[in-house]
Amino acid sequence: MYSGGTMPEFYPWVVKEAGFKFGDEKVEQKDMDIDPPNVNHEFLKALQKENCFNRRSFEKWERIMHSHGASLREVFNLRYGRFERYVDVVVYPSSTEHVEKIVQLADSHNVVIVPYGGGTNVTQALYLQPQSKWPDARMVVSLDMSRMNKVVWVDKDNMIACVQAGIRGQDLERDL
């Protein structure tokens, strides 16, 4: 029944045209196997020497959560499958100076940086190319901006504000 009318041909059409298999339920996975991190040791040594982060992590679930957003495709892969590529390490800067230094180091060590803000992936920046698509095995760093979450200044007359990259919408609304 749809809008008060019956649609007797709808079920066969969905099965034939869309390929749905009703009753063929997938089982939610309890764990996810991921590739080991691709480590650029020289980059990590330089990062440590410059002391330009608060924390870094190679933890499996932290890497998984920084390798996807909240689209239907990503949630489905998280629940039932896997992703084509995972970030190799998650780095947490706490200042603009930290970010500038990390970007400089990544550039000089041929490391890929993926900024991670709220994690929704509305920009689709978290869709990582599979390792096989890169000619060289480059380390992928998730630059988690969550510790840079302050309102820097507010201009009430012109109704504009400068905020750091890691602020979440609900926190921004509250602070403003």
N, C-alpha and C. Protein backbone atom coordinates (compact mmCIF):
# COMPACT_ATOMS: atom_id res chain seq x y z
N MET A 1 0.85 -1.16 0.00
CA MET A 1 0.00 0.00 0.00
C MET A 1 0.91 1.23 0.00
N TYR A 2 0.66 2.15 -0.91
CA TYR A 2 1.42 3.41 -0.99
C TYR A 2 0.45 4.50 -1.36
N SER A 3 0.35 5.53 -0.55
CA SER A 3 -0.57 6.66 -0.77
C SER A 3 -2.00 6.20 -1.02
N GLY A 4 -2.40 5.17 -0.31
CA GLY A 4 -3.77 4.70 -0.41
C GLY A 4 -4.01 3.71 -1.53
N GLY A 5 -3.00 3.42 -2.34
CA GLY A 5 -3.18 2.48 -3.44
C GLY A 5 -2.26 1.29 -3.29
N THR A 6 -2.62 0.19 -3.92
CA THR A 6 -1.78 -1.00 -3.87
C THR A 6 -0.82 -0.99 -5.05
N MET A 7 0.30 -1.62 -4.86
CA MET A 7 1.33 -1.72 -5.90
C MET A 7 1.75 -3.18 -6.02
N PRO A 8 0.95 -4.02 -6.65
CA PRO A 8 1.24 -5.45 -6.68
C PRO A 8 2.53 -5.80 -7.44
N GLU A 9 3.00 -4.95 -8.32
CA GLU A 9 4.20 -5.25 -9.10
C GLU A 9 5.47 -4.67 -8.48
N PHE A 10 5.32 -3.98 -7.36
CA PHE A 10 6.48 -3.31 -6.77
C PHE A 10 7.54 -4.30 -6.30
N TYR A 11 7.14 -5.33 -5.55
CA TYR A 11 8.10 -6.30 -5.01
C TYR A 11 8.87 -6.99 -6.14
N PRO A 12 8.21 -7.54 -7.15
CA PRO A 12 8.97 -8.17 -8.24
C PRO A 12 9.89 -7.17 -8.96
N TRP A 13 9.44 -5.94 -9.09
CA TRP A 13 10.26 -4.93 -9.75
C TRP A 13 11.53 -4.64 -8.95
N VAL A 14 11.41 -4.48 -7.64
CA VAL A 14 12.56 -4.21 -6.78
C VAL A 14 13.56 -5.36 -6.85
N VAL A 15 13.06 -6.58 -6.83
CA VAL A 15 13.94 -7.75 -6.89
C VAL A 15 14.66 -7.79 -8.23
N LYS A 16 13.93 -7.59 -9.32
CA LYS A 16 14.50 -7.70 -10.66
C LYS A 16 15.40 -6.52 -11.00
N GLU A 17 14.91 -5.31 -10.83
CA GLU A 17 15.61 -4.12 -11.31
C GLU A 17 16.70 -3.63 -10.34
N ALA A 18 16.42 -3.70 -9.05
CA ALA A 18 17.37 -3.18 -8.08
C ALA A 18 18.25 -4.28 -7.49
N GLY A 19 17.90 -5.53 -7.72
CA GLY A 19 18.74 -6.63 -7.25
C GLY A 19 18.65 -6.90 -5.76
N PHE A 20 17.60 -6.42 -5.12
CA PHE A 20 17.46 -6.69 -3.69
C PHE A 20 17.14 -8.15 -3.45
N LYS A 21 17.72 -8.68 -2.39
CA LYS A 21 17.44 -10.04 -1.98
C LYS A 21 16.90 -9.98 -0.56
N PHE A 22 15.59 -9.94 -0.47
CA PHE A 22 14.95 -9.85 0.84
C PHE A 22 15.18 -11.15 1.61
N GLY A 23 15.45 -11.01 2.89
CA GLY A 23 15.70 -12.16 3.73
C GLY A 23 17.16 -12.59 3.72
N ASP A 24 17.97 -11.98 2.86
CA ASP A 24 19.40 -12.28 2.79
C ASP A 24 20.14 -11.29 3.70
N GLU A 25 19.98 -11.49 5.01
CA GLU A 25 20.51 -10.52 5.96
C GLU A 25 22.00 -10.73 6.20
N LYS A 26 22.72 -9.63 6.22
CA LYS A 26 24.14 -9.67 6.54
C LYS A 26 24.29 -9.69 8.05
N VAL A 27 25.33 -10.32 8.51
CA VAL A 27 25.61 -10.39 9.94
C VAL A 27 26.62 -9.30 10.27
N GLU A 28 26.28 -8.51 11.27
CA GLU A 28 27.16 -7.43 11.71
C GLU A 28 28.46 -8.01 12.25
N GLN A 29 29.58 -7.49 11.77
CA GLN A 29 30.87 -8.01 12.21
C GLN A 29 31.21 -7.51 13.61
N LYS A 30 31.89 -8.33 14.35
CA LYS A 30 32.28 -7.99 15.72
C LYS A 30 33.64 -7.30 15.76
N ASP A 31 34.46 -7.55 14.74
CA ASP A 31 35.80 -6.98 14.69
C ASP A 31 36.12 -6.69 13.23
N MET A 32 37.18 -5.96 12.99
CA MET A 32 37.57 -5.63 11.63
C MET A 32 39.08 -5.83 11.50
N ASP A 33 39.47 -6.56 10.49
CA ASP A 33 40.89 -6.72 10.19
C ASP A 33 41.34 -5.54 9.35
N ILE A 34 42.46 -4.95 9.71
CA ILE A 34 42.99 -3.84 8.92
C ILE A 34 44.46 -4.11 8.59
N ASP A 35 44.92 -3.41 7.58
CA ASP A 35 46.31 -3.54 7.17
C ASP A 35 47.21 -2.93 8.24
N PRO A 36 48.42 -3.48 8.41
CA PRO A 36 49.35 -2.86 9.35
C PRO A 36 49.74 -1.47 8.87
N PRO A 37 50.11 -0.59 9.78
CA PRO A 37 50.46 0.76 9.35
C PRO A 37 51.72 0.78 8.49
N ASN A 38 51.71 1.66 7.52
CA ASN A 38 52.88 1.92 6.70
C ASN A 38 53.64 3.03 7.41
N VAL A 39 54.79 2.74 7.94
CA VAL A 39 55.49 3.67 8.82
C VAL A 39 56.69 4.32 8.11
N ASN A 40 56.72 5.63 8.14
CA ASN A 40 57.86 6.40 7.67
C ASN A 40 58.64 6.81 8.92
N HIS A 41 59.65 6.05 9.26
CA HIS A 41 60.38 6.25 10.52
C HIS A 41 61.07 7.60 10.59
N GLU A 42 61.59 8.07 9.48
CA GLU A 42 62.26 9.38 9.47
C GLU A 42 61.28 10.50 9.80
N PHE A 43 60.08 10.42 9.23
CA PHE A 43 59.04 11.42 9.53
C PHE A 43 58.70 11.40 11.02
N LEU A 44 58.50 10.20 11.57
CA LEU A 44 58.14 10.09 12.99
C LEU A 44 59.26 10.60 13.90
N LYS A 45 60.50 10.34 13.54
CA LYS A 45 61.62 10.88 14.33
C LYS A 45 61.63 12.40 14.29
N ALA A 46 61.42 12.96 13.12
CA ALA A 46 61.41 14.42 12.98
C ALA A 46 60.23 15.03 13.75
N LEU A 47 59.08 14.36 13.70
CA LEU A 47 57.89 14.81 14.43
C LEU A 47 58.17 14.83 15.93
N GLN A 48 58.80 13.78 16.42
CA GLN A 48 59.14 13.69 17.84
C GLN A 48 60.15 14.77 18.22
N LYS A 49 61.15 14.95 17.39
CA LYS A 49 62.20 15.94 17.66
C LYS A 49 61.63 17.36 17.75
N GLU A 50 60.69 17.67 16.85
CA GLU A 50 60.09 19.01 16.83
C GLU A 50 59.05 19.21 17.92
N ASN A 51 58.60 18.11 18.54
CA ASN A 51 57.61 18.18 19.61
C ASN A 51 56.39 19.02 19.19
N CYS A 52 55.83 18.67 18.02
CA CYS A 52 54.75 19.49 17.46
C CYS A 52 53.40 18.76 17.45
N PHE A 53 53.14 18.01 18.50
CA PHE A 53 51.84 17.35 18.65
C PHE A 53 51.62 17.04 20.12
N ASN A 54 50.37 16.88 20.50
CA ASN A 54 50.05 16.49 21.87
C ASN A 54 50.07 14.99 22.04
N ARG A 55 49.63 14.29 20.97
CA ARG A 55 49.49 12.84 21.06
C ARG A 55 49.54 12.27 19.65
N ARG A 56 50.02 11.05 19.53
CA ARG A 56 49.91 10.32 18.27
C ARG A 56 49.50 8.90 18.60
N SER A 57 48.81 8.25 17.66
CA SER A 57 48.29 6.92 17.95
C SER A 57 48.35 6.01 16.74
N PHE A 58 48.79 4.78 16.99
CA PHE A 58 48.75 3.71 16.00
C PHE A 58 47.67 2.69 16.36
N GLU A 59 46.84 3.01 17.36
CA GLU A 59 45.81 2.08 17.83
C GLU A 59 44.85 1.71 16.70
N LYS A 60 44.53 0.44 16.62
CA LYS A 60 43.70 -0.08 15.54
C LYS A 60 42.37 0.67 15.38
N TRP A 61 41.58 0.77 16.43
CA TRP A 61 40.26 1.38 16.30
C TRP A 61 40.33 2.89 16.11
N GLU A 62 41.36 3.49 16.60
CA GLU A 62 41.55 4.92 16.34
C GLU A 62 41.85 5.15 14.86
N ARG A 63 42.68 4.29 14.29
CA ARG A 63 42.98 4.36 12.86
C ARG A 63 41.72 4.10 12.03
N ILE A 64 40.94 3.11 12.45
CA ILE A 64 39.69 2.80 11.72
C ILE A 64 38.76 4.00 11.76
N MET A 65 38.54 4.56 12.94
CA MET A 65 37.57 5.66 13.06
C MET A 65 38.02 6.93 12.34
N HIS A 66 39.30 7.09 12.11
CA HIS A 66 39.80 8.26 11.38
C HIS A 66 39.90 7.99 9.88
N SER A 67 39.47 6.81 9.45
CA SER A 67 39.55 6.43 8.04
C SER A 67 38.20 6.46 7.34
N HIS A 68 37.20 7.00 7.99
CA HIS A 68 35.86 7.07 7.37
C HIS A 68 35.05 8.19 7.99
N GLY A 69 33.94 8.47 7.34
CA GLY A 69 33.00 9.47 7.84
C GLY A 69 31.70 8.82 8.23
N ALA A 70 30.59 9.54 7.98
CA ALA A 70 29.29 9.06 8.42
C ALA A 70 28.30 8.85 7.27
N SER A 71 28.80 8.69 6.05
CA SER A 71 27.89 8.44 4.93
C SER A 71 27.36 7.01 5.04
N LEU A 72 26.29 6.72 4.32
CA LEU A 72 25.70 5.39 4.34
C LEU A 72 26.72 4.35 3.89
N ARG A 73 27.47 4.67 2.84
CA ARG A 73 28.49 3.75 2.33
C ARG A 73 29.52 3.42 3.40
N GLU A 74 29.97 4.45 4.12
CA GLU A 74 31.00 4.24 5.14
C GLU A 74 30.47 3.47 6.35
N VAL A 75 29.26 3.78 6.78
CA VAL A 75 28.67 3.07 7.91
C VAL A 75 28.46 1.59 7.55
N PHE A 76 28.03 1.33 6.32
CA PHE A 76 27.85 -0.04 5.86
C PHE A 76 29.18 -0.79 5.87
N ASN A 77 30.24 -0.15 5.35
CA ASN A 77 31.56 -0.78 5.36
C ASN A 77 32.05 -1.03 6.78
N LEU A 78 31.79 -0.11 7.66
CA LEU A 78 32.20 -0.27 9.05
C LEU A 78 31.48 -1.45 9.70
N ARG A 79 30.23 -1.59 9.39
CA ARG A 79 29.43 -2.63 10.02
C ARG A 79 29.63 -4.01 9.40
N TYR A 80 29.82 -4.05 8.05
CA TYR A 80 29.81 -5.34 7.38
C TYR A 80 31.07 -5.67 6.57
N GLY A 81 31.94 -4.72 6.36
CA GLY A 81 33.05 -4.99 5.45
C GLY A 81 34.35 -4.37 5.93
N ARG A 82 34.98 -3.66 5.00
CA ARG A 82 36.24 -2.98 5.32
C ARG A 82 36.39 -1.81 4.37
N PHE A 83 37.39 -1.00 4.62
CA PHE A 83 37.68 0.15 3.77
C PHE A 83 38.86 -0.19 2.87
N GLU A 84 38.96 0.55 1.76
CA GLU A 84 40.04 0.28 0.81
C GLU A 84 41.40 0.65 1.39
N ARG A 85 41.42 1.64 2.28
CA ARG A 85 42.68 2.12 2.84
C ARG A 85 42.41 2.70 4.21
N TYR A 86 43.36 2.54 5.10
CA TYR A 86 43.26 3.09 6.46
C TYR A 86 44.41 4.06 6.68
N VAL A 87 44.16 5.07 7.51
CA VAL A 87 45.27 5.95 7.87
C VAL A 87 46.28 5.13 8.66
N ASP A 88 47.52 5.56 8.61
CA ASP A 88 48.58 4.80 9.27
C ASP A 88 48.82 5.26 10.71
N VAL A 89 48.56 6.52 10.97
CA VAL A 89 48.76 7.07 12.31
C VAL A 89 47.82 8.26 12.47
N VAL A 90 47.41 8.51 13.69
CA VAL A 90 46.58 9.68 14.01
C VAL A 90 47.44 10.61 14.86
N VAL A 91 47.53 11.88 14.43
CA VAL A 91 48.33 12.88 15.14
C VAL A 91 47.40 14.00 15.59
N TYR A 92 47.58 14.44 16.84
CA TYR A 92 46.73 15.46 17.45
C TYR A 92 47.53 16.73 17.73
N PRO A 93 47.48 17.72 16.84
CA PRO A 93 48.14 19.00 17.13
C PRO A 93 47.24 19.84 18.04
N SER A 94 47.84 20.84 18.70
CA SER A 94 47.02 21.70 19.56
C SER A 94 47.19 23.19 19.24
N SER A 95 47.91 23.49 18.15
CA SER A 95 48.07 24.90 17.79
C SER A 95 48.34 25.03 16.30
N THR A 96 48.17 26.23 15.81
CA THR A 96 48.47 26.52 14.41
C THR A 96 49.94 26.25 14.12
N GLU A 97 50.79 26.58 15.05
CA GLU A 97 52.23 26.35 14.88
C GLU A 97 52.53 24.85 14.74
N HIS A 98 51.84 24.02 15.53
CA HIS A 98 51.99 22.57 15.40
C HIS A 98 51.61 22.12 14.00
N VAL A 99 50.46 22.59 13.53
CA VAL A 99 49.98 22.18 12.20
C VAL A 99 50.96 22.60 11.12
N GLU A 100 51.45 23.84 11.20
CA GLU A 100 52.41 24.32 10.20
C GLU A 100 53.65 23.44 10.17
N LYS A 101 54.15 23.09 11.33
CA LYS A 101 55.37 22.27 11.41
C LYS A 101 55.11 20.85 10.89
N ILE A 102 53.97 20.28 11.24
CA ILE A 102 53.63 18.93 10.77
C ILE A 102 53.51 18.91 9.25
N VAL A 103 52.89 19.93 8.67
CA VAL A 103 52.75 20.00 7.22
C VAL A 103 54.12 20.13 6.56
N GLN A 104 54.99 20.95 7.12
CA GLN A 104 56.35 21.08 6.58
C GLN A 104 57.09 19.75 6.63
N LEU A 105 56.99 19.06 7.75
CA LEU A 105 57.67 17.77 7.89
C LEU A 105 57.09 16.73 6.93
N ALA A 106 55.79 16.72 6.79
CA ALA A 106 55.14 15.77 5.87
C ALA A 106 55.59 16.03 4.44
N ASP A 107 55.68 17.30 4.08
CA ASP A 107 56.13 17.64 2.73
C ASP A 107 57.56 17.18 2.50
N SER A 108 58.43 17.41 3.44
CA SER A 108 59.83 17.04 3.26
C SER A 108 60.08 15.53 3.35
N HIS A 109 59.13 14.78 3.92
CA HIS A 109 59.28 13.32 4.05
C HIS A 109 58.31 12.55 3.15
N ASN A 110 57.63 13.25 2.25
CA ASN A 110 56.72 12.61 1.29
C ASN A 110 55.60 11.82 1.99
N VAL A 111 54.99 12.46 2.97
CA VAL A 111 53.92 11.85 3.75
C VAL A 111 52.60 12.54 3.39
N VAL A 112 51.53 11.76 3.30
CA VAL A 112 50.20 12.28 2.99
C VAL A 112 49.52 12.69 4.29
N ILE A 113 48.90 13.88 4.28
CA ILE A 113 48.13 14.34 5.45
C ILE A 113 46.67 14.44 5.06
N VAL A 114 45.80 13.89 5.92
CA VAL A 114 44.36 14.00 5.75
C VAL A 114 43.82 14.73 6.97
N PRO A 115 43.32 15.96 6.82
CA PRO A 115 42.76 16.66 7.98
C PRO A 115 41.47 15.98 8.44
N TYR A 116 41.32 15.88 9.74
CA TYR A 116 40.15 15.24 10.33
C TYR A 116 39.51 16.26 11.27
N GLY A 117 38.32 16.73 10.89
CA GLY A 117 37.61 17.71 11.71
C GLY A 117 36.57 17.02 12.58
N GLY A 118 35.32 17.15 12.18
CA GLY A 118 34.23 16.54 12.94
C GLY A 118 34.01 15.07 12.62
N GLY A 119 34.61 14.59 11.53
CA GLY A 119 34.48 13.19 11.18
C GLY A 119 33.26 12.83 10.36
N THR A 120 32.50 13.83 9.89
CA THR A 120 31.31 13.53 9.10
C THR A 120 31.66 13.18 7.67
N ASN A 121 32.75 13.70 7.16
CA ASN A 121 33.22 13.49 5.80
C ASN A 121 32.33 14.16 4.76
N VAL A 122 31.74 15.30 5.11
CA VAL A 122 30.91 16.01 4.14
C VAL A 122 31.74 16.48 2.94
N THR A 123 33.03 16.66 3.12
CA THR A 123 33.90 17.08 2.01
C THR A 123 34.45 15.90 1.24
N GLN A 124 34.21 14.71 1.71
CA GLN A 124 34.70 13.46 1.13
C GLN A 124 36.23 13.37 1.15
N ALA A 125 36.87 14.12 2.01
CA ALA A 125 38.33 14.10 2.13
C ALA A 125 38.84 12.81 2.76
N LEU A 126 37.95 12.07 3.43
CA LEU A 126 38.38 10.85 4.10
C LEU A 126 38.33 9.62 3.20
N TYR A 127 37.89 9.79 1.95
CA TYR A 127 37.93 8.67 1.00
C TYR A 127 39.38 8.50 0.56
N LEU A 128 40.06 7.56 1.14
CA LEU A 128 41.48 7.35 0.85
C LEU A 128 41.66 6.44 -0.35
N GLN A 129 42.60 6.79 -1.20
CA GLN A 129 42.93 5.94 -2.34
C GLN A 129 43.54 4.64 -1.84
N PRO A 130 43.21 3.51 -2.46
CA PRO A 130 43.85 2.26 -2.04
C PRO A 130 45.36 2.33 -2.28
N GLN A 131 46.10 1.61 -1.48
CA GLN A 131 47.56 1.60 -1.58
C GLN A 131 48.01 1.27 -3.01
N SER A 132 47.28 0.39 -3.68
CA SER A 132 47.66 -0.03 -5.03
C SER A 132 47.61 1.10 -6.06
N LYS A 133 46.89 2.18 -5.76
CA LYS A 133 46.77 3.30 -6.71
C LYS A 133 47.93 4.28 -6.59
N TRP A 134 48.74 4.15 -5.56
CA TRP A 134 49.89 5.04 -5.39
C TRP A 134 51.14 4.33 -5.88
N PRO A 135 51.97 5.03 -6.63
CA PRO A 135 53.18 4.37 -7.14
C PRO A 135 54.18 4.03 -6.05
N ASP A 136 54.13 4.76 -4.96
CA ASP A 136 55.02 4.47 -3.84
C ASP A 136 54.19 4.29 -2.58
N ALA A 137 54.74 3.61 -1.63
CA ALA A 137 54.01 3.35 -0.39
C ALA A 137 54.20 4.53 0.56
N ARG A 138 53.30 5.50 0.47
CA ARG A 138 53.39 6.68 1.31
C ARG A 138 52.60 6.49 2.59
N MET A 139 53.15 7.00 3.67
CA MET A 139 52.46 6.97 4.95
C MET A 139 51.31 7.99 4.90
N VAL A 140 50.15 7.61 5.46
CA VAL A 140 49.00 8.50 5.53
C VAL A 140 48.77 8.88 6.98
N VAL A 141 48.79 10.19 7.26
CA VAL A 141 48.62 10.72 8.60
C VAL A 141 47.27 11.39 8.71
N SER A 142 46.48 10.99 9.68
CA SER A 142 45.24 11.69 9.99
C SER A 142 45.58 12.80 10.98
N LEU A 143 45.35 14.03 10.57
CA LEU A 143 45.65 15.19 11.42
C LEU A 143 44.35 15.58 12.12
N ASP A 144 44.17 15.07 13.33
CA ASP A 144 42.94 15.28 14.09
C ASP A 144 42.94 16.67 14.72
N MET A 145 42.01 17.49 14.29
CA MET A 145 41.98 18.89 14.72
C MET A 145 41.16 19.11 15.99
N SER A 146 40.69 18.06 16.62
CA SER A 146 39.75 18.20 17.74
C SER A 146 40.29 18.97 18.93
N ARG A 147 41.59 19.06 19.09
CA ARG A 147 42.14 19.82 20.22
C ARG A 147 42.28 21.30 19.90
N MET A 148 42.00 21.65 18.67
CA MET A 148 41.99 23.06 18.26
C MET A 148 40.52 23.45 18.10
N ASN A 149 39.87 23.72 19.22
CA ASN A 149 38.41 23.86 19.24
C ASN A 149 37.92 25.13 19.94
N LYS A 150 38.62 26.20 19.74
CA LYS A 150 38.28 27.45 20.44
C LYS A 150 37.74 28.50 19.47
N VAL A 151 36.95 29.40 20.01
CA VAL A 151 36.56 30.61 19.29
C VAL A 151 37.70 31.59 19.52
N VAL A 152 38.33 32.05 18.44
CA VAL A 152 39.48 32.95 18.55
C VAL A 152 39.03 34.38 18.78
N TRP A 153 38.08 34.85 17.98
CA TRP A 153 37.52 36.18 18.17
C TRP A 153 36.15 36.27 17.53
N VAL A 154 35.37 37.24 17.99
CA VAL A 154 34.03 37.48 17.46
C VAL A 154 33.90 38.97 17.16
N ASP A 155 33.41 39.29 15.99
CA ASP A 155 33.10 40.67 15.59
C ASP A 155 31.58 40.77 15.54
N LYS A 156 31.00 41.26 16.65
CA LYS A 156 29.54 41.32 16.76
C LYS A 156 28.93 42.30 15.76
N ASP A 157 29.63 43.39 15.47
CA ASP A 157 29.09 44.39 14.54
C ASP A 157 28.89 43.81 13.14
N ASN A 158 29.85 43.03 12.69
CA ASN A 158 29.78 42.46 11.34
C ASN A 158 29.29 41.01 11.33
N MET A 159 28.99 40.48 12.53
CA MET A 159 28.47 39.13 12.70
C MET A 159 29.37 38.08 12.06
N ILE A 160 30.66 38.16 12.37
CA ILE A 160 31.61 37.16 11.90
C ILE A 160 32.46 36.70 13.09
N ALA A 161 33.01 35.51 12.94
CA ALA A 161 33.85 34.96 14.00
C ALA A 161 34.99 34.19 13.37
N CYS A 162 36.08 34.11 14.09
CA CYS A 162 37.22 33.29 13.70
C CYS A 162 37.29 32.15 14.71
N VAL A 163 37.22 30.92 14.20
CA VAL A 163 37.25 29.75 15.08
C VAL A 163 38.31 28.78 14.59
N GLN A 164 38.80 27.97 15.50
CA GLN A 164 39.79 26.97 15.13
C GLN A 164 39.12 25.81 14.40
N ALA A 165 39.91 25.06 13.66
CA ALA A 165 39.40 24.04 12.74
C ALA A 165 38.71 22.86 13.41
N GLY A 166 38.97 22.61 14.67
CA GLY A 166 38.42 21.43 15.31
C GLY A 166 37.14 21.65 16.09
N ILE A 167 36.58 22.84 16.04
CA ILE A 167 35.37 23.10 16.83
C ILE A 167 34.17 22.39 16.21
N ARG A 168 33.34 21.81 17.05
CA ARG A 168 32.12 21.14 16.58
C ARG A 168 30.97 22.15 16.59
N GLY A 169 30.02 21.90 15.70
CA GLY A 169 28.90 22.82 15.52
C GLY A 169 28.16 23.16 16.80
N GLN A 170 27.84 22.15 17.60
CA GLN A 170 27.08 22.40 18.83
C GLN A 170 27.91 23.22 19.82
N ASP A 171 29.23 22.99 19.86
CA ASP A 171 30.08 23.78 20.75
C ASP A 171 30.20 25.21 20.26
N LEU A 172 30.29 25.38 18.97
CA LEU A 172 30.36 26.72 18.38
C LEU A 172 29.09 27.51 18.71
N GLU A 173 27.93 26.89 18.53
CA GLU A 173 26.67 27.56 18.86
C GLU A 173 26.63 27.96 20.32
N ARG A 174 27.03 27.05 21.21
CA ARG A 174 27.01 27.34 22.63
C ARG A 174 27.94 28.50 22.97
N ASP A 175 29.16 28.47 22.41
CA ASP A 175 30.16 29.48 22.73
C ASP A 175 29.79 30.85 22.16
N LEU A 176 29.17 30.85 20.99
CA LEU A 176 28.76 32.13 20.40
C LEU A 176 27.61 32.73 21.16
